């Protein structure tokens, strides 16, 4: 059974935590672990109503959790804004409770911020990306931007951790809106 993880609310000189949900967590985790300045990643569940949910329970939609990637990063090497820019283009944030063929509330697009600065950056990057989508007549972003304060992160089962590293030809559901993040 997964154990609840409490995250630090303050960054230190060499790490900060960020939480991003982009649909199936396997492909998102691979995108984040590949970035210079990311110390580690872990997949899990957040935003639901059941303590220590299992993958099978989350997949029913009844726990209300989303599949999420916890990103441990060094803010001196990569900014939270850079992580957000990657987040917006790695999936389709205009798709409600769905990414590619994966359908359900566990595949919703979400950011759980751990500080006021993260909240401000998440909102600002969302607005910048929405402006780029608007120019092309693409729909509204439906991503939740919520506080992580009081919202536990439950690590997923071990076989989900770095799944695409263990299974390089494994399923990666991610589709994007096809729009680059504006400079």
Protein backbone atom coordinates (compact mmCIF):
# COMPACT_ATOMS: atom_id res chain seq x y z
CA UNK A 1 0.00 0.00 0.00
CA UNK A 2 1.24 3.51 -0.82
CA UNK A 3 2.44 5.73 2.00
CA UNK A 4 1.49 9.37 2.33
CA UNK A 5 4.38 11.73 1.60
CA UNK A 6 4.48 15.16 3.20
CA UNK A 7 6.35 17.66 1.07
CA UNK A 8 8.36 20.63 2.27
CA UNK A 9 6.61 23.96 1.76
CA UNK A 10 9.83 25.95 1.56
CA UNK A 11 12.55 25.47 -1.00
CA UNK A 12 16.16 25.01 0.03
CA UNK A 13 19.21 25.94 -1.94
CA UNK A 14 19.21 22.68 -3.88
CA UNK A 15 15.67 21.38 -4.18
CA UNK A 16 12.05 22.30 -4.55
CA UNK A 17 9.03 20.10 -5.31
CA UNK A 18 6.48 20.58 -8.07
CA UNK A 19 3.38 18.53 -8.95
CA UNK A 20 2.03 18.16 -12.48
CA UNK A 21 -0.82 16.00 -13.87
CA UNK A 22 -0.94 15.58 -17.64
CA UNK A 23 -2.94 12.39 -18.14
CA UNK A 24 -1.10 9.09 -17.86
CA UNK A 25 1.87 9.72 -15.60
CA UNK A 26 4.34 7.43 -17.43
CA UNK A 27 5.12 9.75 -20.35
CA UNK A 28 5.08 12.90 -18.25
CA UNK A 29 7.54 11.41 -15.79
CA UNK A 30 9.94 10.59 -18.65
CA UNK A 31 9.71 14.14 -20.01
CA UNK A 32 10.48 15.63 -16.61
CA UNK A 33 13.28 13.23 -15.60
CA UNK A 34 15.05 14.11 -18.87
CA UNK A 35 15.36 17.79 -17.99
CA UNK A 36 18.66 19.12 -16.71
CA UNK A 37 18.20 20.37 -13.17
CA UNK A 38 15.59 17.77 -12.23
CA UNK A 39 17.00 15.76 -9.32
CA UNK A 40 14.34 13.04 -9.29
CA UNK A 41 10.77 12.22 -10.23
CA UNK A 42 8.11 10.05 -8.68
CA UNK A 43 4.62 9.19 -9.91
CA UNK A 44 1.60 9.01 -7.69
CA UNK A 45 -1.87 10.26 -6.92
CA UNK A 46 -3.22 13.58 -5.58
CA UNK A 47 -6.45 15.46 -5.22
CA UNK A 48 -8.73 12.63 -4.18
CA UNK A 49 -10.82 11.61 -1.21
CA UNK A 50 -9.30 8.25 -0.22
CA UNK A 51 -6.12 7.77 1.77
CA UNK A 52 -3.49 5.47 0.24
CA UNK A 53 -5.36 4.67 -2.97
CA UNK A 54 -4.23 1.84 -5.24
CA UNK A 55 -3.92 2.18 -9.00
CA UNK A 56 -6.96 -0.05 -9.44
CA UNK A 57 -9.01 2.20 -7.13
CA UNK A 58 -7.87 5.38 -8.86
CA UNK A 59 -8.80 3.90 -12.26
CA UNK A 60 -12.43 3.52 -11.16
CA UNK A 61 -12.70 7.30 -10.85
CA UNK A 62 -14.38 6.94 -7.47
CA UNK A 63 -11.38 8.14 -5.44
CA UNK A 64 -11.24 11.41 -7.44
CA UNK A 65 -7.42 11.31 -7.56
CA UNK A 66 -5.43 12.36 -10.58
CA UNK A 67 -2.28 10.62 -11.82
CA UNK A 68 0.52 13.04 -11.03
CA UNK A 69 4.28 13.46 -11.29
CA UNK A 70 6.22 14.80 -8.34
CA UNK A 71 9.26 16.68 -9.67
CA UNK A 72 12.17 17.33 -7.31
CA UNK A 73 14.26 20.05 -8.97
CA UNK A 74 17.14 22.39 -8.26
CA UNK A 75 15.83 25.94 -8.77
CA UNK A 76 19.42 27.09 -9.31
CA UNK A 77 19.62 24.85 -12.40
CA UNK A 78 16.06 24.91 -13.79
CA UNK A 79 13.29 27.35 -13.02
CA UNK A 80 9.75 26.49 -12.08
CA UNK A 81 8.72 28.53 -15.11
CA UNK A 82 10.73 26.18 -17.35
CA UNK A 83 8.93 23.22 -15.81
CA UNK A 84 5.57 24.91 -16.41
CA UNK A 85 6.48 25.69 -20.02
CA UNK A 86 7.26 22.00 -20.52
CA UNK A 87 4.02 21.02 -18.79
CA UNK A 88 1.81 23.11 -21.09
CA UNK A 89 3.22 21.65 -24.32
CA UNK A 90 3.56 17.99 -23.26
CA UNK A 91 -0.19 17.40 -23.22
CA UNK A 92 -3.46 18.96 -24.37
CA UNK A 93 -4.56 21.24 -21.51
CA UNK A 94 -7.84 21.99 -23.34
CA UNK A 95 -9.01 18.39 -23.04
CA UNK A 96 -11.24 17.80 -20.00
CA UNK A 97 -10.62 14.52 -18.15
CA UNK A 98 -8.97 12.98 -21.16
CA UNK A 99 -5.58 12.66 -22.87
CA UNK A 100 -5.47 10.70 -26.10
CA UNK A 101 -7.37 7.45 -25.61
CA UNK A 102 -7.26 7.70 -21.80
CA UNK A 103 -10.57 8.93 -20.43
CA UNK A 104 -11.54 9.66 -16.82
CA UNK A 105 -11.02 12.15 -14.02
CA UNK A 106 -7.70 10.48 -13.15
CA UNK A 107 -6.37 11.87 -16.47
CA UNK A 108 -7.31 15.50 -15.82
CA UNK A 109 -4.80 18.28 -16.27
CA UNK A 110 -3.69 19.78 -12.95
CA UNK A 111 -0.95 21.74 -11.26
CA UNK A 112 -0.65 21.60 -7.48
CA UNK A 113 1.52 24.53 -6.35
CA UNK A 114 3.60 24.50 -3.15
CA UNK A 115 4.24 28.24 -2.77
CA UNK A 116 2.82 31.62 -3.72
CA UNK A 117 5.58 32.00 -6.29
CA UNK A 118 4.65 28.67 -7.93
CA UNK A 119 0.99 29.77 -8.02
CA UNK A 120 1.87 33.06 -9.69
CA UNK A 121 4.11 31.36 -12.26
CA UNK A 122 1.53 28.64 -13.01
CA UNK A 123 -1.18 31.25 -13.60
CA UNK A 124 1.07 33.52 -15.68
CA UNK A 125 2.30 30.69 -17.91
CA UNK A 126 -1.27 29.42 -18.31
CA UNK A 127 -2.37 32.86 -19.48
CA UNK A 128 0.55 33.14 -21.91
CA UNK A 129 -0.18 29.71 -23.36
CA UNK A 130 -3.92 30.48 -23.60
CA UNK A 131 -3.06 33.59 -25.63
CA UNK A 132 -1.09 31.46 -28.07
CA UNK A 133 -3.99 28.99 -28.32
CA UNK A 134 -6.47 31.84 -28.87
CA UNK A 135 -4.49 33.11 -31.86
CA UNK A 136 -5.05 29.72 -33.50
CA UNK A 137 -8.69 29.37 -32.49
CA UNK A 138 -7.98 26.50 -30.10
CA UNK A 139 -10.24 26.02 -27.06
CA UNK A 140 -9.93 27.12 -23.47
CA UNK A 141 -7.44 25.59 -21.05
CA UNK A 142 -9.26 23.44 -18.45
CA UNK A 143 -6.24 22.76 -16.22
CA UNK A 144 -6.86 22.95 -12.48
CA UNK A 145 -4.34 25.11 -10.62
CA UNK A 146 -4.70 24.24 -6.95
CA UNK A 147 -2.74 24.52 -3.73
CA UNK A 148 -0.87 21.44 -2.57
CA UNK A 149 -1.24 22.64 1.01
CA UNK A 150 -3.05 19.90 2.91
CA UNK A 151 -3.33 17.71 -0.20
CA UNK A 152 -1.31 14.53 0.30
CA UNK A 153 0.79 12.97 -2.43
CA UNK A 154 0.53 9.18 -2.46
CA UNK A 155 3.31 7.42 -4.40
CA UNK A 156 2.09 4.95 -7.00
CA UNK A 157 3.05 1.31 -6.87
CA UNK A 158 6.71 0.53 -7.59
CA UNK A 159 6.03 -0.92 -11.05
CA UNK A 160 4.76 2.52 -12.16
CA UNK A 161 7.94 4.35 -11.05
CA UNK A 162 10.07 5.21 -14.12
CA UNK A 163 7.88 2.80 -16.05
CA UNK A 164 9.11 3.87 -19.49
CA UNK A 165 12.72 3.42 -18.41
CA UNK A 166 11.93 -0.21 -17.54
CA UNK A 167 9.66 -0.61 -20.60
CA UNK A 168 11.15 1.62 -23.33
CA UNK A 169 8.50 0.60 -25.87
CA UNK A 170 5.69 1.06 -23.33
CA UNK A 171 2.54 3.08 -23.78
CA UNK A 172 2.84 6.87 -23.77
CA UNK A 173 -0.59 8.41 -24.25
CA UNK A 174 0.49 11.99 -24.58
CA UNK A 175 -0.87 14.13 -27.32
CA UNK A 176 -0.50 17.87 -27.33
CA UNK A 177 -2.36 20.88 -28.63
CA UNK A 178 0.49 21.15 -31.15
CA UNK A 179 1.32 24.70 -30.16
CA UNK A 180 4.76 25.77 -28.99
CA UNK A 181 5.01 27.82 -25.83
CA UNK A 182 5.43 31.49 -26.80
CA UNK A 183 8.79 33.12 -26.14
